N, C-alpha and C. Protein backbone atom coordinates (compact mmCIF):
# COMPACT_ATOMS: atom_id res chain seq x y z
N UNK A 1 167.41 25.80 85.95
CA UNK A 1 166.05 26.18 85.49
C UNK A 1 166.13 24.88 84.27
N UNK A 2 167.87 24.83 83.83
CA UNK A 2 167.63 23.55 82.41
C UNK A 2 167.39 22.38 83.10
N UNK A 3 168.07 22.12 84.16
CA UNK A 3 167.90 20.66 84.74
C UNK A 3 166.58 20.22 85.14
N UNK A 4 165.67 21.19 85.40
CA UNK A 4 164.31 21.45 85.57
C UNK A 4 163.54 20.83 84.32
N UNK A 5 163.80 21.53 83.40
CA UNK A 5 163.07 21.33 82.11
C UNK A 5 163.47 20.14 81.51
N UNK A 6 164.60 19.42 81.45
CA UNK A 6 165.21 18.68 80.93
C UNK A 6 164.21 17.52 81.74
N UNK A 7 164.59 17.67 83.04
CA UNK A 7 164.13 16.41 83.83
C UNK A 7 162.11 16.33 82.92
N UNK A 8 161.46 17.48 83.34
CA UNK A 8 160.10 17.41 83.09
C UNK A 8 159.91 17.16 81.14
N UNK A 9 160.93 17.07 80.41
CA UNK A 9 161.07 15.87 79.16
C UNK A 9 161.04 14.64 79.38
N UNK A 10 161.84 14.49 79.67
CA UNK A 10 162.36 13.19 80.15
C UNK A 10 161.27 12.22 80.99
N UNK A 11 160.46 13.31 81.88
CA UNK A 11 159.48 12.21 83.14
C UNK A 11 158.01 12.97 82.86
N UNK A 12 157.12 12.63 81.84
CA UNK A 12 156.19 13.76 81.65
C UNK A 12 155.38 13.69 83.24
N UNK A 13 154.41 14.63 83.11
CA UNK A 13 153.94 14.72 84.37
C UNK A 13 152.45 13.65 84.12
N UNK A 14 152.54 13.07 85.48
CA UNK A 14 151.10 11.75 85.78
C UNK A 14 150.18 11.82 84.76
N UNK A 15 149.75 13.20 85.17
CA UNK A 15 148.46 13.77 84.73
C UNK A 15 148.34 13.44 83.17
N UNK A 16 149.12 13.42 82.50
CA UNK A 16 149.43 13.55 80.87
C UNK A 16 149.08 12.07 80.76
N UNK A 17 150.20 11.07 81.35
CA UNK A 17 150.36 9.74 80.81
C UNK A 17 148.81 8.67 81.03
N UNK A 18 147.76 9.41 81.85
CA UNK A 18 147.38 8.54 83.07
C UNK A 18 146.03 8.55 81.57
N UNK A 19 145.91 9.45 80.50
CA UNK A 19 144.72 8.91 80.30
C UNK A 19 145.17 8.53 78.53
N UNK A 20 144.54 8.87 77.32
CA UNK A 20 144.98 8.75 76.01
C UNK A 20 145.69 9.94 76.27
N UNK A 21 146.68 9.91 74.54
CA UNK A 21 147.59 11.16 74.57
C UNK A 21 146.32 12.14 73.41
N UNK A 22 145.70 13.00 74.05
CA UNK A 22 145.29 13.74 72.75
C UNK A 22 146.50 14.92 72.33
N UNK A 23 145.73 15.77 71.48
CA UNK A 23 146.18 16.52 70.70
C UNK A 23 146.59 17.99 71.62
N UNK A 24 145.75 18.02 72.54
CA UNK A 24 145.59 19.04 73.39
C UNK A 24 146.27 18.83 74.47
N UNK A 25 146.86 17.74 75.05
CA UNK A 25 148.18 17.47 75.95
C UNK A 25 149.29 17.20 75.63
N UNK A 26 149.53 17.06 73.97
CA UNK A 26 150.62 16.93 72.98
C UNK A 26 151.38 18.61 73.29
N UNK A 27 150.19 19.65 73.06
CA UNK A 27 150.07 20.70 72.80
C UNK A 27 150.35 21.57 74.28
N UNK A 28 149.86 20.83 75.12
CA UNK A 28 150.46 21.42 76.58
C UNK A 28 151.69 20.90 77.19
N UNK A 29 151.99 19.68 76.73
CA UNK A 29 153.34 19.44 77.04
C UNK A 29 154.85 20.03 75.89
N UNK A 30 154.35 20.14 74.41
CA UNK A 30 155.11 21.05 73.99
C UNK A 30 155.24 22.21 74.31
N UNK A 31 154.19 23.31 74.86
CA UNK A 31 154.17 24.72 75.00
C UNK A 31 155.20 24.50 76.55
N UNK A 32 154.89 23.83 77.39
CA UNK A 32 155.61 23.84 78.70
C UNK A 32 157.02 23.61 78.12
N UNK A 33 157.66 22.36 77.47
CA UNK A 33 158.75 22.02 77.26
C UNK A 33 159.76 23.28 76.59
N UNK A 34 158.51 23.65 75.53
CA UNK A 34 159.23 24.41 74.47
C UNK A 34 159.02 25.97 75.03
N UNK A 35 158.30 26.12 76.51
CA UNK A 35 158.74 27.40 76.94
C UNK A 35 159.82 27.31 78.05
N UNK A 36 159.70 26.65 78.47
CA UNK A 36 160.94 26.13 79.00
C UNK A 36 162.26 26.35 78.73
N UNK A 37 162.40 25.67 77.37
CA UNK A 37 163.72 25.60 77.20
C UNK A 37 163.90 27.02 77.00
N UNK A 38 163.13 27.51 75.74
CA UNK A 38 163.30 29.34 75.35
C UNK A 38 163.48 30.07 76.57
N UNK A 39 162.84 29.89 78.03
CA UNK A 39 163.25 30.73 78.72
C UNK A 39 164.68 30.84 79.22
N UNK A 40 165.31 29.10 79.38
CA UNK A 40 166.65 29.33 79.60
C UNK A 40 167.21 29.84 78.80
N UNK A 41 167.13 29.63 77.75
CA UNK A 41 168.28 30.44 76.41
C UNK A 41 168.11 31.64 76.57
N UNK A 42 167.08 32.06 76.79
CA UNK A 42 166.93 34.12 76.83
C UNK A 42 167.86 34.06 78.16
N UNK A 43 167.49 33.57 78.88
CA UNK A 43 168.27 33.91 80.55
C UNK A 43 169.83 33.56 80.28
N UNK A 44 170.29 32.81 79.65
CA UNK A 44 171.21 32.62 79.27
C UNK A 44 172.07 33.37 78.59
N UNK A 45 171.43 33.95 77.13
CA UNK A 45 171.72 34.77 76.15
C UNK A 45 171.94 36.15 77.32
N UNK A 46 171.04 36.50 78.10
CA UNK A 46 171.20 37.94 78.75
C UNK A 46 172.26 37.66 79.43
N UNK A 47 172.61 36.83 80.24
CA UNK A 47 173.73 36.80 80.99
C UNK A 47 174.86 37.15 80.25
N UNK A 48 175.25 36.12 79.47
CA UNK A 48 176.39 36.53 78.34
C UNK A 48 176.50 38.04 77.81
N UNK A 49 175.02 38.65 77.02
CA UNK A 49 175.58 39.83 76.66
C UNK A 49 175.81 40.79 77.98
N UNK A 50 175.72 40.35 79.47
CA UNK A 50 175.70 41.40 80.47
C UNK A 50 177.65 41.60 80.77
N UNK A 51 177.77 40.03 80.78
CA UNK A 51 179.22 39.38 81.03
C UNK A 51 180.07 40.17 79.49
N UNK A 52 179.57 40.20 78.58
CA UNK A 52 180.50 40.58 77.73
C UNK A 52 180.58 42.48 77.46
N UNK A 53 179.11 43.12 77.89
CA UNK A 53 179.35 44.28 77.75
C UNK A 53 180.22 45.31 79.17
N UNK A 54 180.08 44.29 80.24
CA UNK A 54 180.98 44.64 81.23
C UNK A 54 182.96 44.39 81.21
N UNK A 55 183.09 43.34 80.04
CA UNK A 55 184.28 43.11 79.53
C UNK A 55 184.98 44.57 78.81
N UNK A 56 183.84 44.72 77.92
CA UNK A 56 183.58 46.05 77.02
C UNK A 56 184.26 47.33 77.57
N UNK A 57 183.40 47.76 78.67
CA UNK A 57 183.21 48.58 79.26
C UNK A 57 184.42 49.06 79.80
N UNK A 58 184.80 47.33 80.83
CA UNK A 58 186.20 47.73 81.55
C UNK A 58 187.32 47.34 80.90
N UNK A 59 187.12 46.67 79.83
CA UNK A 59 189.05 46.56 79.25
C UNK A 59 189.12 48.09 78.99
N UNK A 60 189.19 49.07 78.23
CA UNK A 60 189.68 50.40 77.92
C UNK A 60 190.02 50.71 79.53
N UNK A 61 189.59 50.61 80.47
CA UNK A 61 189.97 51.40 81.83
C UNK A 61 191.33 50.43 82.28
N UNK A 62 191.16 49.49 82.15
CA UNK A 62 192.40 48.98 82.28
C UNK A 62 193.59 48.96 81.35
N UNK A 63 193.08 49.18 80.15
CA UNK A 63 193.91 49.67 79.31
C UNK A 63 195.01 51.08 79.27
N UNK A 64 193.65 51.93 79.51
CA UNK A 64 194.16 53.16 79.76
C UNK A 64 195.12 53.41 81.38
N UNK A 65 194.65 52.81 82.11
CA UNK A 65 195.77 52.30 83.57
C UNK A 65 196.89 52.21 82.98
N UNK A 66 196.89 50.75 82.13
CA UNK A 66 198.34 50.19 81.97
C UNK A 66 199.19 51.61 81.31
N UNK A 67 198.26 51.95 79.98
CA UNK A 67 199.43 53.00 79.93
C UNK A 67 199.58 54.00 80.08
N UNK A 68 198.81 54.37 81.39
CA UNK A 68 199.45 55.37 82.05
C UNK A 68 200.55 55.07 83.36
N UNK A 69 200.28 54.10 83.63
CA UNK A 69 201.17 53.21 84.28
C UNK A 69 202.92 53.17 83.80
N UNK A 70 202.58 52.64 82.10
CA UNK A 70 203.77 52.93 81.49
C UNK A 70 204.10 54.14 81.41
N UNK A 71 203.39 55.01 81.09
CA UNK A 71 203.94 56.38 80.54
C UNK A 71 204.98 57.27 82.34
N UNK A 72 204.12 56.70 83.66
CA UNK A 72 204.62 57.17 84.57
C UNK A 72 206.39 56.33 84.68
N UNK A 73 206.47 55.15 84.56
CA UNK A 73 207.70 54.15 84.59
C UNK A 73 208.39 54.99 83.75
N UNK A 74 208.48 55.50 82.64
CA UNK A 74 209.09 55.65 81.58
C UNK A 74 209.73 57.61 81.94
N UNK A 75 208.53 58.00 82.36
CA UNK A 75 209.27 59.47 83.06
C UNK A 75 210.18 59.40 84.06
N UNK A 76 210.13 58.56 85.14
CA UNK A 76 210.49 58.08 86.16
C UNK A 76 212.27 57.67 85.43
N UNK A 77 212.34 57.40 84.62
CA UNK A 77 213.76 56.75 83.94
C UNK A 77 214.38 57.78 82.70
N UNK A 78 213.24 58.73 82.90
CA UNK A 78 213.79 60.01 81.64
C UNK A 78 213.55 59.79 80.33
N UNK A 79 213.02 58.60 79.85
CA UNK A 79 212.25 58.67 78.54
C UNK A 79 211.19 59.48 78.77
N UNK A 80 211.11 60.56 78.20
CA UNK A 80 210.26 61.28 77.95
C UNK A 80 209.56 61.11 77.00
N UNK A 81 210.09 61.05 75.69
CA UNK A 81 209.34 60.68 74.21
C UNK A 81 208.70 59.94 74.57
N UNK A 82 209.09 58.80 75.06
CA UNK A 82 208.37 57.24 75.17
C UNK A 82 207.03 57.46 75.97
N UNK A 83 207.38 58.17 77.48
CA UNK A 83 206.21 58.38 78.13
C UNK A 83 205.06 59.25 77.26
N UNK A 84 205.67 60.35 76.47
CA UNK A 84 204.33 60.86 75.89
C UNK A 84 203.49 59.84 75.01
N UNK A 85 204.28 59.07 74.23
CA UNK A 85 203.75 58.25 73.27
C UNK A 85 202.36 57.34 74.54
N UNK A 86 203.06 56.56 75.44
CA UNK A 86 202.15 55.80 76.28
C UNK A 86 200.87 56.67 77.21
N UNK A 87 200.83 58.06 77.22
CA UNK A 87 200.55 58.76 77.83
C UNK A 87 199.42 59.13 76.29
N UNK A 88 199.96 59.47 75.14
CA UNK A 88 199.20 59.40 73.80
C UNK A 88 198.09 58.39 73.96
N UNK A 89 198.78 57.42 73.90
CA UNK A 89 197.52 56.00 73.44
C UNK A 89 196.63 55.97 74.63
N UNK A 90 196.79 56.51 75.82
CA UNK A 90 195.82 56.27 76.90
C UNK A 90 195.21 57.34 76.76
N UNK A 91 195.35 58.35 76.42
CA UNK A 91 194.46 59.50 75.93
C UNK A 91 193.65 58.91 74.41
N UNK A 92 193.81 58.42 73.68
CA UNK A 92 193.42 57.68 72.42
C UNK A 92 192.59 57.13 73.16
N UNK A 93 192.37 55.90 73.74
CA UNK A 93 191.75 54.84 74.43
C UNK A 93 190.37 56.16 75.59
N UNK A 94 190.82 57.10 75.69
CA UNK A 94 189.81 57.70 76.89
C UNK A 94 190.13 59.05 77.47
N UNK A 95 189.53 59.54 76.25
CA UNK A 95 190.04 61.42 76.92
C UNK A 95 190.09 61.96 78.00
N UNK A 96 191.24 61.82 78.36
CA UNK A 96 190.86 63.03 79.80
C UNK A 96 192.12 64.05 79.74
N UNK A 97 191.69 65.01 80.53
CA UNK A 97 192.59 65.84 80.57
C UNK A 97 193.38 66.27 81.13
N UNK A 98 193.55 65.34 82.48
CA UNK A 98 194.83 65.04 83.40
C UNK A 98 195.50 64.44 82.76
N UNK A 99 195.15 63.22 81.54
CA UNK A 99 196.18 62.45 80.74
C UNK A 99 196.87 63.51 79.66
N UNK A 100 195.85 63.81 79.42
CA UNK A 100 196.70 65.17 78.43
C UNK A 100 197.45 65.88 78.84
N UNK A 101 197.80 66.32 79.90
CA UNK A 101 198.04 67.41 80.43
C UNK A 101 199.71 66.48 80.90
N UNK A 102 199.51 65.15 81.23
CA UNK A 102 200.87 64.54 81.75
C UNK A 102 201.41 64.73 80.29
N UNK A 103 200.26 64.41 79.24
CA UNK A 103 201.30 64.10 77.92
C UNK A 103 201.91 65.38 77.53
N UNK A 104 201.63 66.54 77.80
CA UNK A 104 202.21 67.73 77.50
C UNK A 104 203.33 67.86 78.04
N UNK A 105 203.36 67.57 79.19
CA UNK A 105 204.20 67.80 80.17
C UNK A 105 205.96 66.83 79.63
N UNK A 106 205.11 65.96 78.99
CA UNK A 106 206.25 64.87 78.66
C UNK A 106 206.60 64.96 77.75
N UNK A 107 205.73 65.47 77.02
CA UNK A 107 206.80 66.48 75.30
C UNK A 107 207.28 67.53 75.70
N UNK A 108 206.71 68.14 76.32
CA UNK A 108 207.68 69.43 77.36
C UNK A 108 209.32 69.09 77.67
N UNK A 109 209.28 68.19 78.42
CA UNK A 109 210.80 67.45 78.66
C UNK A 109 211.07 67.16 77.77
N UNK A 110 210.64 65.97 76.93
CA UNK A 110 210.93 65.40 75.30
C UNK A 110 212.03 66.35 74.60
N UNK A 111 211.85 68.01 74.83
CA UNK A 111 212.14 68.64 73.53
C UNK A 111 211.00 68.85 72.60
N UNK A 112 209.92 68.66 72.86
CA UNK A 112 208.72 69.25 72.25
C UNK A 112 208.02 70.19 72.41
N UNK A 113 208.52 71.76 72.33
CA UNK A 113 207.68 72.51 73.20
C UNK A 113 206.46 72.72 72.09
N UNK A 114 206.59 72.68 71.20
CA UNK A 114 205.04 72.91 69.87
C UNK A 114 204.41 71.93 70.41
N UNK A 115 204.55 70.77 70.69
CA UNK A 115 203.35 69.60 70.51
C UNK A 115 202.88 69.97 71.86
N UNK A 116 203.61 70.40 72.77
CA UNK A 116 203.32 70.56 74.48
C UNK A 116 202.85 71.28 74.59
N UNK A 117 202.58 73.02 73.54
CA UNK A 117 202.04 73.62 73.53
C UNK A 117 200.63 73.24 73.15
N UNK A 118 200.65 73.12 71.83
CA UNK A 118 199.51 72.10 71.35
C UNK A 118 198.56 71.45 72.15
N UNK A 119 199.07 70.56 72.86
CA UNK A 119 198.46 69.24 73.58
C UNK A 119 197.72 70.44 75.34
N UNK A 120 198.48 71.10 75.74
CA UNK A 120 198.19 71.70 77.31
C UNK A 120 197.23 73.04 76.77
N UNK A 121 197.26 73.40 75.19
CA UNK A 121 196.85 74.21 74.81
C UNK A 121 195.05 73.90 74.94
N UNK A 122 194.62 72.64 74.14
CA UNK A 122 193.80 72.30 73.73
C UNK A 122 193.28 72.36 75.56
N UNK A 123 193.90 71.61 76.62
CA UNK A 123 193.25 71.60 78.04
C UNK A 123 192.48 72.85 78.07
N UNK A 124 193.68 73.83 78.00
CA UNK A 124 193.59 75.21 78.88
C UNK A 124 192.27 75.82 78.32
N UNK A 125 192.15 75.88 76.87
CA UNK A 125 190.69 76.25 75.93
C UNK A 125 189.74 75.34 76.46
N UNK A 126 189.47 74.42 76.91
CA UNK A 126 188.49 73.42 77.39
C UNK A 126 188.27 73.70 78.88
N UNK A 127 189.46 74.52 79.59
CA UNK A 127 189.00 74.82 81.04
C UNK A 127 190.51 75.68 81.56
N UNK A 128 189.71 77.21 80.87
CA UNK A 128 190.48 78.27 81.30
C UNK A 128 190.99 78.18 82.61
N UNK A 129 190.14 77.93 83.60
CA UNK A 129 190.91 78.10 85.09
C UNK A 129 191.76 77.03 85.79
N UNK A 130 192.22 76.15 84.50
CA UNK A 130 192.97 74.91 85.02
C UNK A 130 194.70 75.74 85.20
N UNK A 131 194.81 75.87 86.46
CA UNK A 131 196.36 76.65 87.25
C UNK A 131 197.51 75.53 86.04
N UNK A 132 197.15 73.97 86.45
CA UNK A 132 198.22 73.35 85.50
C UNK A 132 198.17 73.09 84.09
N UNK A 133 197.28 73.28 83.58
CA UNK A 133 197.08 74.02 81.97
C UNK A 133 197.86 74.96 81.77
N UNK A 134 197.47 76.14 82.61
CA UNK A 134 198.40 77.40 82.36
C UNK A 134 199.68 77.75 82.55
N UNK A 135 200.29 76.50 83.49
CA UNK A 135 201.45 76.12 83.69
C UNK A 135 202.31 75.53 82.53
N UNK A 136 201.72 74.60 82.57
CA UNK A 136 202.40 73.69 81.08
C UNK A 136 202.19 74.20 79.44
N UNK A 137 201.35 75.18 79.39
CA UNK A 137 201.18 75.74 78.34
C UNK A 137 202.11 76.76 78.27
N UNK A 138 202.08 77.69 79.68
CA UNK A 138 203.19 78.77 79.58
C UNK A 138 204.94 78.28 79.38
N UNK A 139 204.86 77.57 79.94
CA UNK A 139 206.54 76.56 80.01
C UNK A 139 206.74 76.17 78.58
N UNK A 140 205.99 75.62 77.74
CA UNK A 140 205.82 75.12 76.41
C UNK A 140 206.18 76.56 75.25
N UNK A 141 205.29 77.51 75.92
CA UNK A 141 205.66 78.53 75.12
C UNK A 141 206.84 79.72 75.52
N UNK A 142 207.09 79.65 76.44
CA UNK A 142 208.66 80.01 76.79
C UNK A 142 209.26 78.91 76.09
N UNK A 143 209.36 77.70 76.49
CA UNK A 143 210.60 77.10 76.02
C UNK A 143 210.55 77.72 74.15
N UNK A 144 209.36 77.97 73.53
CA UNK A 144 209.67 78.16 71.85
C UNK A 144 210.05 79.73 71.75
N UNK A 145 209.91 80.34 72.86
CA UNK A 145 210.19 82.06 73.01
C UNK A 145 209.19 82.31 72.39
N UNK A 146 207.86 81.95 72.77
CA UNK A 146 206.69 82.71 72.29
C UNK A 146 206.62 83.76 73.39
N UNK A 147 206.07 84.98 73.10
CA UNK A 147 206.29 86.62 73.85
C UNK A 147 205.06 85.81 74.86
N UNK A 148 204.09 85.28 74.55
CA UNK A 148 202.54 85.06 75.08
C UNK A 148 202.59 84.27 76.40
N UNK A 149 204.03 83.86 76.67
CA UNK A 149 204.06 82.90 77.50
C UNK A 149 204.23 83.63 78.48
N UNK A 150 204.27 84.53 78.73
CA UNK A 150 204.58 85.72 79.98
C UNK A 150 203.67 85.88 80.43
N UNK A 151 202.39 86.33 79.73
CA UNK A 151 200.98 86.62 80.07
C UNK A 151 199.78 85.07 80.44
N UNK A 152 200.50 83.87 79.92
CA UNK A 152 199.82 83.05 80.32
C UNK A 152 200.60 82.25 81.78
N UNK A 153 201.84 82.49 82.03
CA UNK A 153 202.41 82.18 83.26
C UNK A 153 201.67 83.16 84.63
N UNK A 154 201.52 84.58 84.00
CA UNK A 154 200.93 85.49 85.23
C UNK A 154 199.28 85.18 85.43
N UNK A 155 198.73 84.79 84.13
CA UNK A 155 197.27 84.10 84.74
C UNK A 155 197.76 82.55 85.72
N UNK A 156 198.16 82.09 85.35
CA UNK A 156 198.55 80.80 86.17
C UNK A 156 199.00 81.21 87.53
N UNK A 157 199.53 82.27 87.79
CA UNK A 157 199.95 82.90 89.29
C UNK A 157 199.27 83.35 90.10
N UNK A 158 198.18 84.43 89.31
CA UNK A 158 197.17 84.83 89.45
C UNK A 158 196.00 83.61 90.12
N UNK A 159 195.84 82.85 89.22
CA UNK A 159 194.81 81.93 90.11
C UNK A 159 195.22 80.39 90.72
N UNK A 160 196.41 80.77 90.98
CA UNK A 160 197.27 79.68 91.88
C UNK A 160 198.49 79.97 92.18
N UNK A 161 198.85 81.05 93.12
CA UNK A 161 199.77 81.65 93.45
C UNK A 161 200.65 80.49 95.06
N UNK A 162 199.68 80.13 95.35
CA UNK A 162 200.32 78.83 96.47
C UNK A 162 200.93 78.02 95.39
N UNK A 163 200.74 77.77 94.44
CA UNK A 163 201.05 76.41 93.74
C UNK A 163 202.70 75.99 93.75
N UNK A 164 202.69 74.79 94.19
CA UNK A 164 204.34 74.27 94.61
C UNK A 164 205.21 74.65 92.87
N UNK A 165 205.30 75.15 92.04
CA UNK A 165 205.91 75.52 91.11
C UNK A 165 206.03 77.00 90.84
N UNK A 166 204.58 77.71 91.92
CA UNK A 166 204.60 78.76 91.54
C UNK A 166 205.66 80.38 91.68
N UNK A 167 206.77 80.01 93.09
CA UNK A 167 208.18 80.40 92.91
C UNK A 167 208.79 80.24 91.79
N UNK A 168 209.05 79.39 91.26
CA UNK A 168 210.10 78.95 90.19
C UNK A 168 209.68 80.03 89.30
N UNK A 169 207.97 79.83 88.46
CA UNK A 169 207.81 80.84 87.91
C UNK A 169 207.99 82.39 88.23
N UNK A 170 207.51 82.58 88.99
CA UNK A 170 208.56 83.90 89.66
C UNK A 170 209.48 83.90 89.05
N UNK A 171 210.38 83.27 89.25
CA UNK A 171 211.68 83.51 88.98
C UNK A 171 212.15 83.51 87.73
N UNK A 172 211.71 82.58 87.06
CA UNK A 172 211.22 82.62 85.87
C UNK A 172 211.47 84.00 85.00
N UNK A 173 209.83 84.71 85.60
CA UNK A 173 209.39 85.60 85.01
C UNK A 173 210.04 87.13 84.82
N UNK A 174 210.90 86.65 86.18
CA UNK A 174 212.18 87.89 86.67
C UNK A 174 213.65 88.16 85.89
N UNK A 175 213.69 86.84 85.51
CA UNK A 175 214.74 86.60 85.44
C UNK A 175 214.72 86.70 83.77
């Protein structure tokens, strides 16, 4: 579109040059060239804004994924406090209950049961039927010596009796 507009500007239409240049012909050339240029500028601006919007919405997802991957790698190497920091950053970028539960579990494994209980408790409050939220909350409460852990872990077992952690939770409650 820019090339066509620039060619028109360099080579006016033959009917415009054929006769004497009148104010009406000048106005027609000006409107045609100016309108074409304005159209090109508008299209370029629109395309640039869409590219900018795509980057703005894609960047946080990439950053969240990077922070979650970093947290997972830190968990695998036993660095639970650092993993919790990575999960906290990911959740701050884009709040997500699954990331918040990973944060709570990392906090629990880092020896921060009070923080883990608060984090898992926020997820359980938003979704009381989440077995994973109840599991992490109950374990965090148990680590603090909170008697509410028994009720929380029983609710977990009632919701998910075949959960992979169910046997260990039953052993914890009976032992």
